PDB file of N, CA and C in Angstrom:
ATOM      1  N   UNK A   1      -3.507   9.910 -14.926  1.00  0.00           N
ATOM      2  CA  UNK A   1      -3.876   9.698 -13.631  1.00  0.00           C
ATOM      3  C   UNK A   1      -3.479  10.660 -12.784  1.00  0.00           C
ATOM      4  N   UNK A   2      -4.201  10.945 -11.939  1.00  0.00           N
ATOM      5  CA  UNK A   2      -3.908  12.425 -11.085  1.00  0.00           C
ATOM      6  C   UNK A   2      -2.854  11.948 -10.034  1.00  0.00           C
ATOM      7  N   UNK A   3      -2.141  13.083  -9.938  1.00  0.00           N
ATOM      8  CA  UNK A   3      -0.982  13.076  -9.003  1.00  0.00           C
ATOM      9  C   UNK A   3      -1.309  12.769  -7.611  1.00  0.00           C
ATOM     10  N   UNK A   4      -0.863  12.064  -6.915  1.00  0.00           N
ATOM     11  CA  UNK A   4      -1.040  12.062  -5.401  1.00  0.00           C
ATOM     12  C   UNK A   4      -0.200  12.907  -4.655  1.00  0.00           C
ATOM     13  N   UNK A   5      -0.803  13.758  -3.848  1.00  0.00           N
ATOM     14  CA  UNK A   5       0.039  14.453  -2.775  1.00  0.00           C
ATOM     15  C   UNK A   5      -0.273  13.942  -1.439  1.00  0.00           C
ATOM     16  N   UNK A   6       0.812  13.947  -0.755  1.00  0.00           N
ATOM     17  CA  UNK A   6       1.033  13.124   0.372  1.00  0.00           C
ATOM     18  C   UNK A   6       1.927  14.182   1.359  1.00  0.00           C
ATOM     19  N   UNK A   7       1.565  13.822   2.723  1.00  0.00           N
ATOM     20  CA  UNK A   7       2.627  14.672   3.745  1.00  0.00           C
ATOM     21  C   UNK A   7       3.675  13.408   4.197  1.00  0.00           C
ATOM     22  N   UNK A   8       4.824  14.090   3.903  1.00  0.00           N
ATOM     23  CA  UNK A   8       5.924  13.042   4.253  1.00  0.00           C
ATOM     24  C   UNK A   8       6.553  13.808   5.581  1.00  0.00           C
ATOM     25  N   UNK A   9       7.102  13.020   6.790  1.00  0.00           N
ATOM     26  CA  UNK A   9       7.773  13.431   7.798  1.00  0.00           C
ATOM     27  C   UNK A   9       9.439  13.072   7.128  1.00  0.00           C
ATOM     28  N   UNK A  10      10.219  13.974   7.047  1.00  0.00           N
ATOM     29  CA  UNK A  10      11.452  13.569   6.604  1.00  0.00           C
ATOM     30  C   UNK A  10      12.533  13.953   7.955  1.00  0.00           C
ATOM     31  N   UNK A  11      13.169  12.883   8.505  1.00  0.00           N
ATOM     32  CA  UNK A  11      14.015  13.110   9.404  1.00  0.00           C
ATOM     33  C   UNK A  11      15.383  13.195   9.042  1.00  0.00           C
ATOM     34  N   UNK A  12      16.506  14.312   9.334  1.00  0.00           N
ATOM     35  CA  UNK A  12      17.604  14.344   8.821  1.00  0.00           C
ATOM     36  C   UNK A  12      18.632  14.672   9.915  1.00  0.00           C
ATOM     37  N   UNK A  13      19.686  14.229  10.062  1.00  0.00           N
ATOM     38  CA  UNK A  13      20.932  14.549  11.047  1.00  0.00           C
ATOM     39  C   UNK A  13      21.331  15.798  10.657  1.00  0.00           C
ATOM     40  N   UNK A  14      21.525  16.358   9.369  1.00  0.00           N
ATOM     41  CA  UNK A  14      22.176  17.485   8.973  1.00  0.00           C
ATOM     42  C   UNK A  14      21.845  18.699   9.529  1.00  0.00           C
ATOM     43  N   UNK A  15      22.718  19.703   9.930  1.00  0.00           N
ATOM     44  CA  UNK A  15      22.512  20.940  10.646  1.00  0.00           C
ATOM     45  C   UNK A  15      21.945  21.904   9.454  1.00  0.00           C
ATOM     46  N   UNK A  16      22.823  21.896   8.288  1.00  0.00           N
ATOM     47  CA  UNK A  16      22.566  22.773   7.436  1.00  0.00           C
ATOM     48  C   UNK A  16      21.401  22.519   6.456  1.00  0.00           C
ATOM     49  N   UNK A  17      20.440  23.249   6.166  1.00  0.00           N
ATOM     50  CA  UNK A  17      19.244  22.813   5.548  1.00  0.00           C
ATOM     51  C   UNK A  17      19.304  23.266   3.950  1.00  0.00           C
ATOM     52  N   UNK A  18      19.377  22.298   3.135  1.00  0.00           N
ATOM     53  CA  UNK A  18      19.486  22.405   1.641  1.00  0.00           C
ATOM     54  C   UNK A  18      18.268  22.280   1.045  1.00  0.00           C
ATOM     55  N   UNK A  19      17.397  23.296   0.758  1.00  0.00           N
ATOM     56  CA  UNK A  19      16.118  23.179   0.179  1.00  0.00           C
ATOM     57  C   UNK A  19      16.083  22.134  -0.980  1.00  0.00           C
ATOM     58  N   UNK A  20      17.086  22.511  -1.835  1.00  0.00           N
ATOM     59  CA  UNK A  20      17.034  21.509  -3.201  1.00  0.00           C
ATOM     60  C   UNK A  20      17.265  20.144  -2.828  1.00  0.00           C
ATOM     61  N   UNK A  21      18.015  19.895  -2.262  1.00  0.00           N
ATOM     62  CA  UNK A  21      18.389  18.340  -1.406  1.00  0.00           C
ATOM     63  C   UNK A  21      17.167  17.808  -0.984  1.00  0.00           C
ATOM     64  N   UNK A  22      16.434  18.668  -0.035  1.00  0.00           N
ATOM     65  CA  UNK A  22      15.275  18.019   0.681  1.00  0.00           C
ATOM     66  C   UNK A  22      14.071  17.897  -0.643  1.00  0.00           C
ATOM     67  N   UNK A  23      14.071  18.747  -1.298  1.00  0.00           N
ATOM     68  CA  UNK A  23      12.804  18.600  -2.490  1.00  0.00           C
ATOM     69  C   UNK A  23      13.303  17.344  -3.108  1.00  0.00           C
ATOM     70  N   UNK A  24      14.569  17.138  -3.589  1.00  0.00           N
ATOM     71  CA  UNK A  24      14.915  16.031  -4.414  1.00  0.00           C
ATOM     72  C   UNK A  24      14.541  14.581  -3.769  1.00  0.00           C
ATOM     73  N   UNK A  25      14.992  14.628  -2.351  1.00  0.00           N
ATOM     74  CA  UNK A  25      14.734  13.561  -1.510  1.00  0.00           C
ATOM     75  C   UNK A  25      13.234  13.161  -1.542  1.00  0.00           C
ATOM     76  N   UNK A  26      12.634  14.086  -1.317  1.00  0.00           N
ATOM     77  CA  UNK A  26      11.028  13.980  -0.996  1.00  0.00           C
ATOM     78  C   UNK A  26      10.289  13.546  -2.388  1.00  0.00           C
ATOM     79  N   UNK A  27      10.795  13.655  -3.637  1.00  0.00           N
ATOM     80  CA  UNK A  27      10.560  13.332  -4.886  1.00  0.00           C
ATOM     81  C   UNK A  27      10.853  11.979  -5.195  1.00  0.00           C
ATOM     82  N   UNK A  28      12.170  11.572  -4.827  1.00  0.00           N
ATOM     83  CA  UNK A  28      12.617  10.231  -4.801  1.00  0.00           C
ATOM     84  C   UNK A  28      12.032   9.324  -4.018  1.00  0.00           C
ATOM     85  N   UNK A  29      11.332   9.758  -2.853  1.00  0.00           N
ATOM     86  CA  UNK A  29      10.490   9.089  -1.832  1.00  0.00           C
ATOM     87  C   UNK A  29       9.219   8.787  -2.451  1.00  0.00           C
ATOM     88  N   UNK A  30       8.645   9.849  -2.940  1.00  0.00           N
ATOM     89  CA  UNK A  30       7.328   9.574  -3.480  1.00  0.00           C
ATOM     90  C   UNK A  30       7.470   8.811  -4.668  1.00  0.00           C
ATOM     91  N   UNK A  31       8.185   8.932  -5.739  1.00  0.00           N
ATOM     92  CA  UNK A  31       8.418   7.842  -6.793  1.00  0.00           C
ATOM     93  C   UNK A  31       8.414   6.533  -6.299  1.00  0.00           C
ATOM     94  N   UNK A  32       9.224   6.311  -5.231  1.00  0.00           N
ATOM     95  CA  UNK A  32       9.226   5.123  -4.643  1.00  0.00           C
ATOM     96  C   UNK A  32       8.095   4.412  -3.939  1.00  0.00           C
ATOM     97  N   UNK A  33       7.362   5.254  -3.341  1.00  0.00           N
ATOM     98  CA  UNK A  33       6.085   4.901  -2.580  1.00  0.00           C
ATOM     99  C   UNK A  33       4.954   4.590  -3.827  1.00  0.00           C
ATOM    100  N   UNK A  34       5.076   5.350  -5.053  1.00  0.00           N
ATOM    101  CA  UNK A  34       4.253   5.062  -6.049  1.00  0.00           C
ATOM    102  C   UNK A  34       4.322   3.883  -6.555  1.00  0.00           C
ATOM    103  N   UNK A  35       5.530   3.253  -6.886  1.00  0.00           N
ATOM    104  CA  UNK A  35       5.793   2.168  -7.410  1.00  0.00           C
ATOM    105  C   UNK A  35       5.466   0.978  -6.365  1.00  0.00           C
ATOM    106  N   UNK A  36       5.646   1.118  -5.115  1.00  0.00           N
ATOM    107  CA  UNK A  36       5.219   0.026  -4.354  1.00  0.00           C
ATOM    108  C   UNK A  36       3.888   0.013  -3.997  1.00  0.00           C
ATOM    109  N   UNK A  37       3.270   1.297  -3.789  1.00  0.00           N
ATOM    110  CA  UNK A  37       1.560   1.285  -3.421  1.00  0.00           C
ATOM    111  C   UNK A  37       0.834   0.847  -4.620  1.00  0.00           C
ATOM    112  N   UNK A  38       0.541  -0.106  -5.143  1.00  0.00           N
ATOM    113  CA  UNK A  38      -0.171  -0.558  -6.197  1.00  0.00           C
ATOM    114  C   UNK A  38      -1.000  -1.902  -5.876  1.00  0.00           C
ATOM    115  N   UNK A  39      -2.064  -2.281  -6.471  1.00  0.00           N
ATOM    116  CA  UNK A  39      -2.806  -3.126  -6.078  1.00  0.00           C
ATOM    117  C   UNK A  39      -2.276  -4.624  -6.314  1.00  0.00           C
ATOM    118  N   UNK A  40      -1.289  -4.774  -7.178  1.00  0.00           N
ATOM    119  CA  UNK A  40      -0.714  -5.819  -7.438  1.00  0.00           C
ATOM    120  C   UNK A  40       0.256  -6.191  -6.213  1.00  0.00           C
ATOM    121  N   UNK A  41       0.854  -5.243  -5.720  1.00  0.00           N
ATOM    122  CA  UNK A  41       1.805  -5.490  -4.633  1.00  0.00           C
ATOM    123  C   UNK A  41       1.117  -5.878  -3.112  1.00  0.00           C
ATOM    124  N   UNK A  42      -0.086  -5.129  -3.159  1.00  0.00           N
ATOM    125  CA  UNK A  42      -1.196  -5.298  -2.097  1.00  0.00           C
ATOM    126  C   UNK A  42      -1.467  -6.678  -1.991  1.00  0.00           C
ATOM    127  N   UNK A  43      -2.059  -7.076  -3.013  1.00  0.00           N
ATOM    128  CA  UNK A  43      -2.633  -8.392  -3.069  1.00  0.00           C
ATOM    129  C   UNK A  43      -1.285  -9.497  -2.875  1.00  0.00           C
ATOM    130  N   UNK A  44      -0.126  -9.169  -3.721  1.00  0.00           N
ATOM    131  CA  UNK A  44       0.960 -10.298  -3.107  1.00  0.00           C
ATOM    132  C   UNK A  44       1.205 -10.041  -1.464  1.00  0.00           C
ATOM    133  N   UNK A  45       1.152  -9.049  -0.892  1.00  0.00           N
ATOM    134  CA  UNK A  45       1.443  -9.093   0.430  1.00  0.00           C
ATOM    135  C   UNK A  45       0.232  -9.712   1.485  1.00  0.00           C
ATOM    136  N   UNK A  46      -0.801  -9.646   0.698  1.00  0.00           N
ATOM    137  CA  UNK A  46      -2.070 -10.104   1.658  1.00  0.00           C
ATOM    138  C   UNK A  46      -2.763 -11.312   1.284  1.00  0.00           C
ATOM    139  N   UNK A  47      -3.355 -12.097   2.005  1.00  0.00           N
ATOM    140  CA  UNK A  47      -4.089 -13.203   1.965  1.00  0.00           C
ATOM    141  C   UNK A  47      -5.496 -13.006   2.383  1.00  0.00           C
ATOM    142  N   UNK A  48      -6.604 -13.603   1.826  1.00  0.00           N
ATOM    143  CA  UNK A  48      -7.960 -13.624   2.215  1.00  0.00           C
ATOM    144  C   UNK A  48      -8.362 -14.959   3.061  1.00  0.00           C
ATOM    145  N   UNK A  49      -8.803 -14.615   4.209  1.00  0.00           N
ATOM    146  CA  UNK A  49      -9.246 -15.781   5.035  1.00  0.00           C
ATOM    147  C   UNK A  49     -10.560 -15.575   5.017  1.00  0.00           C
ATOM    148  N   UNK A  50     -11.436 -16.794   4.419  1.00  0.00           N
ATOM    149  CA  UNK A  50     -12.871 -16.707   4.277  1.00  0.00           C
ATOM    150  C   UNK A  50     -13.377 -17.655   4.989  1.00  0.00           C
ATOM    151  N   UNK A  51     -13.976 -17.261   6.398  1.00  0.00           N
ATOM    152  CA  UNK A  51     -14.461 -18.359   7.073  1.00  0.00           C
ATOM    153  C   UNK A  51     -15.933 -18.867   6.866  1.00  0.00           C
ATOM    154  N   UNK A  52     -16.483 -18.084   5.982  1.00  0.00           N
ATOM    155  CA  UNK A  52     -17.784 -18.567   5.269  1.00  0.00           C
ATOM    156  C   UNK A  52     -17.742 -20.131   4.308  1.00  0.00           C
ATOM    157  N   UNK A  53     -16.604 -20.231   4.081  1.00  0.00           N
ATOM    158  CA  UNK A  53     -16.158 -21.242   3.206  1.00  0.00           C
ATOM    159  C   UNK A  53     -15.156 -22.217   3.527  1.00  0.00           C
ATOM    160  N   UNK A  54     -14.463 -21.467   4.719  1.00  0.00           N
ATOM    161  CA  UNK A  54     -13.360 -22.302   5.435  1.00  0.00           C
ATOM    162  C   UNK A  54     -12.436 -22.272   4.285  1.00  0.00           C
ATOM    163  N   UNK A  55     -11.627 -21.452   3.729  1.00  0.00           N
ATOM    164  CA  UNK A  55     -10.783 -21.229   2.567  1.00  0.00           C
ATOM    165  C   UNK A  55      -9.693 -20.145   3.080  1.00  0.00           C
ATOM    166  N   UNK A  56      -8.736 -20.597   2.548  1.00  0.00           N
ATOM    167  CA  UNK A  56      -7.434 -19.442   2.451  1.00  0.00           C
ATOM    168  C   UNK A  56      -7.469 -19.244   1.018  1.00  0.00           C
ATOM    169  N   UNK A  57      -7.671 -17.930   0.542  1.00  0.00           N
ATOM    170  CA  UNK A  57      -7.694 -17.227  -0.755  1.00  0.00           C
ATOM    171  C   UNK A  57      -6.310 -16.721  -1.097  1.00  0.00           C
ATOM    172  N   UNK A  58      -5.402 -17.027  -2.077  1.00  0.00           N
ATOM    173  CA  UNK A  58      -4.192 -16.307  -2.631  1.00  0.00           C
ATOM    174  C   UNK A  58      -4.376 -15.691  -3.865  1.00  0.00           C
ATOM    175  N   UNK A  59      -5.440 -15.979  -4.653  1.00  0.00           N
ATOM    176  CA  UNK A  59      -5.565 -15.308  -6.228  1.00  0.00           C
ATOM    177  C   UNK A  59      -5.797 -13.840  -5.775  1.00  0.00           C
ATOM    178  N   UNK A  60      -4.848 -13.177  -6.670  1.00  0.00           N
ATOM    179  CA  UNK A  60      -4.792 -11.781  -6.934  1.00  0.00           C
ATOM    180  C   UNK A  60      -6.063 -11.458  -7.077  1.00  0.00           C
ATOM    181  N   UNK A  61      -6.894 -11.809  -8.092  1.00  0.00           N
ATOM    182  CA  UNK A  61      -8.122 -11.193  -8.611  1.00  0.00           C
ATOM    183  C   UNK A  61      -9.210 -11.271  -7.428  1.00  0.00           C
ATOM    184  N   UNK A  62      -9.226 -12.241  -6.682  1.00  0.00           N
ATOM    185  CA  UNK A  62     -10.100 -12.503  -5.542  1.00  0.00           C
ATOM    186  C   UNK A  62      -9.819 -11.445  -4.308  1.00  0.00           C
ATOM    187  N   UNK A  63      -8.504 -11.222  -4.143  1.00  0.00           N
ATOM    188  CA  UNK A  63      -8.224 -10.252  -3.210  1.00  0.00           C
ATOM    189  C   UNK A  63      -8.568  -8.844  -3.540  1.00  0.00           C
ATOM    190  N   UNK A  64      -8.188  -8.746  -4.779  1.00  0.00           N
ATOM    191  CA  UNK A  64      -8.449  -7.413  -5.421  1.00  0.00           C
ATOM    192  C   UNK A  64      -9.901  -6.941  -5.350  1.00  0.00           C
ATOM    193  N   UNK A  65     -10.804  -7.773  -5.652  1.00  0.00           N
ATOM    194  CA  UNK A  65     -12.408  -7.928  -5.751  1.00  0.00           C
ATOM    195  C   UNK A  65     -12.979  -7.418  -4.464  1.00  0.00           C
ATOM    196  N   UNK A  66     -12.208  -8.191  -3.276  1.00  0.00           N
ATOM    197  CA  UNK A  66     -12.827  -7.710  -1.922  1.00  0.00           C
ATOM    198  C   UNK A  66     -12.202  -6.439  -1.625  1.00  0.00           C
ATOM    199  N   UNK A  67     -10.915  -5.932  -1.959  1.00  0.00           N
ATOM    200  CA  UNK A  67     -10.628  -4.587  -1.466  1.00  0.00           C
ATOM    201  C   UNK A  67     -11.214  -3.481  -2.264  1.00  0.00           C
ATOM    202  N   UNK A  68     -11.717  -3.903  -3.521  1.00  0.00           N
ATOM    203  CA  UNK A  68     -12.502  -2.674  -4.129  1.00  0.00           C
ATOM    204  C   UNK A  68     -13.957  -2.808  -3.856  1.00  0.00           C
ATOM    205  N   UNK A  69     -14.529  -3.741  -3.171  1.00  0.00           N
ATOM    206  CA  UNK A  69     -15.761  -3.686  -2.913  1.00  0.00           C
ATOM    207  C   UNK A  69     -16.118  -2.888  -1.719  1.00  0.00           C
ATOM    208  N   UNK A  70     -17.450  -1.975  -1.897  1.00  0.00           N
ATOM    209  CA  UNK A  70     -17.580  -0.913  -0.821  1.00  0.00           C
ATOM    210  C   UNK A  70     -18.169  -1.700   0.353  1.00  0.00           C
ATOM    211  N   UNK A  71     -18.945  -3.013   0.500  1.00  0.00           N
ATOM    212  CA  UNK A  71     -19.168  -3.522   1.795  1.00  0.00           C
ATOM    213  C   UNK A  71     -18.638  -5.112   1.739  1.00  0.00           C
ATOM    214  N   UNK A  72     -17.927  -5.119   2.863  1.00  0.00           N
ATOM    215  CA  UNK A  72     -17.361  -6.513   3.154  1.00  0.00           C
ATOM    216  C   UNK A  72     -18.258  -7.366   3.617  1.00  0.00           C
ATOM    217  N   UNK A  73     -18.263  -8.642   3.074  1.00  0.00           N
ATOM    218  CA  UNK A  73     -19.033  -9.782   3.740  1.00  0.00           C
ATOM    219  C   UNK A  73     -18.258  -9.974   5.089  1.00  0.00           C
ATOM    220  N   UNK A  74     -19.506 -10.508   5.881  1.00  0.00           N
ATOM    221  CA  UNK A  74     -18.959 -10.917   7.323  1.00  0.00           C
ATOM    222  C   UNK A  74     -17.876 -12.148   7.288  1.00  0.00           C
ATOM    223  N   UNK A  75     -17.254 -12.286   8.360  1.00  0.00           N
ATOM    224  CA  UNK A  75     -16.330 -13.189   8.467  1.00  0.00           C
ATOM    225  C   UNK A  75     -15.175 -13.457   7.440  1.00  0.00           C
ATOM    226  N   UNK A  76     -14.803 -12.280   6.517  1.00  0.00           N
ATOM    227  CA  UNK A  76     -13.636 -12.430   5.328  1.00  0.00           C
ATOM    228  C   UNK A  76     -12.790 -11.656   6.121  1.00  0.00           C
ATOM    229  N   UNK A  77     -11.675 -11.775   6.087  1.00  0.00           N
ATOM    230  CA  UNK A  77     -10.447 -11.290   6.711  1.00  0.00           C
ATOM    231  C   UNK A  77      -9.247 -11.189   5.860  1.00  0.00           C
ATOM    232  N   UNK A  78      -8.714  -9.732   5.791  1.00  0.00           N
ATOM    233  CA  UNK A  78      -7.391  -9.622   4.884  1.00  0.00           C
ATOM    234  C   UNK A  78      -6.332  -9.945   5.878  1.00  0.00           C
ATOM    235  N   UNK A  79      -5.205 -10.825   5.679  1.00  0.00           N
ATOM    236  CA  UNK A  79      -4.266 -10.991   6.749  1.00  0.00           C
ATOM    237  C   UNK A  79      -2.851 -10.859   6.123  1.00  0.00           C
ATOM    238  N   UNK A  80      -2.168 -10.032   6.737  1.00  0.00           N
ATOM    239  CA  UNK A  80      -0.645  -9.793   6.009  1.00  0.00           C
ATOM    240  C   UNK A  80       0.179 -11.054   6.218  1.00  0.00           C
ATOM    241  N   UNK A  81       0.721 -11.651   5.052  1.00  0.00           N
ATOM    242  CA  UNK A  81       1.568 -12.500   5.075  1.00  0.00           C
ATOM    243  C   UNK A  81       2.772 -12.536   5.995  1.00  0.00           C
ATOM    244  N   UNK A  82       3.289 -11.389   6.228  1.00  0.00           N
ATOM    245  CA  UNK A  82       4.613 -11.162   7.149  1.00  0.00           C
ATOM    246  C   UNK A  82       4.147 -11.609   8.420  1.00  0.00           C
TER     247      UNK A  82
END
């Protein structure tokens, strides 16, 4: 799998800049975000409201299918459960 590169803004209160410590902290944040940003966790956090069939869908497979599709059907909404 291709390693994802991202821009992170890291705010610190330290006046001294330790490049090695900052690099390690960024690597740990990147590792944490890679484990959280998966399709399974996304499907757990969202539900699909389908107003065409008047249903609320909680199945991971159905939500993943809607996320992966290039064209969205009208009146289908992904809603965060929080």
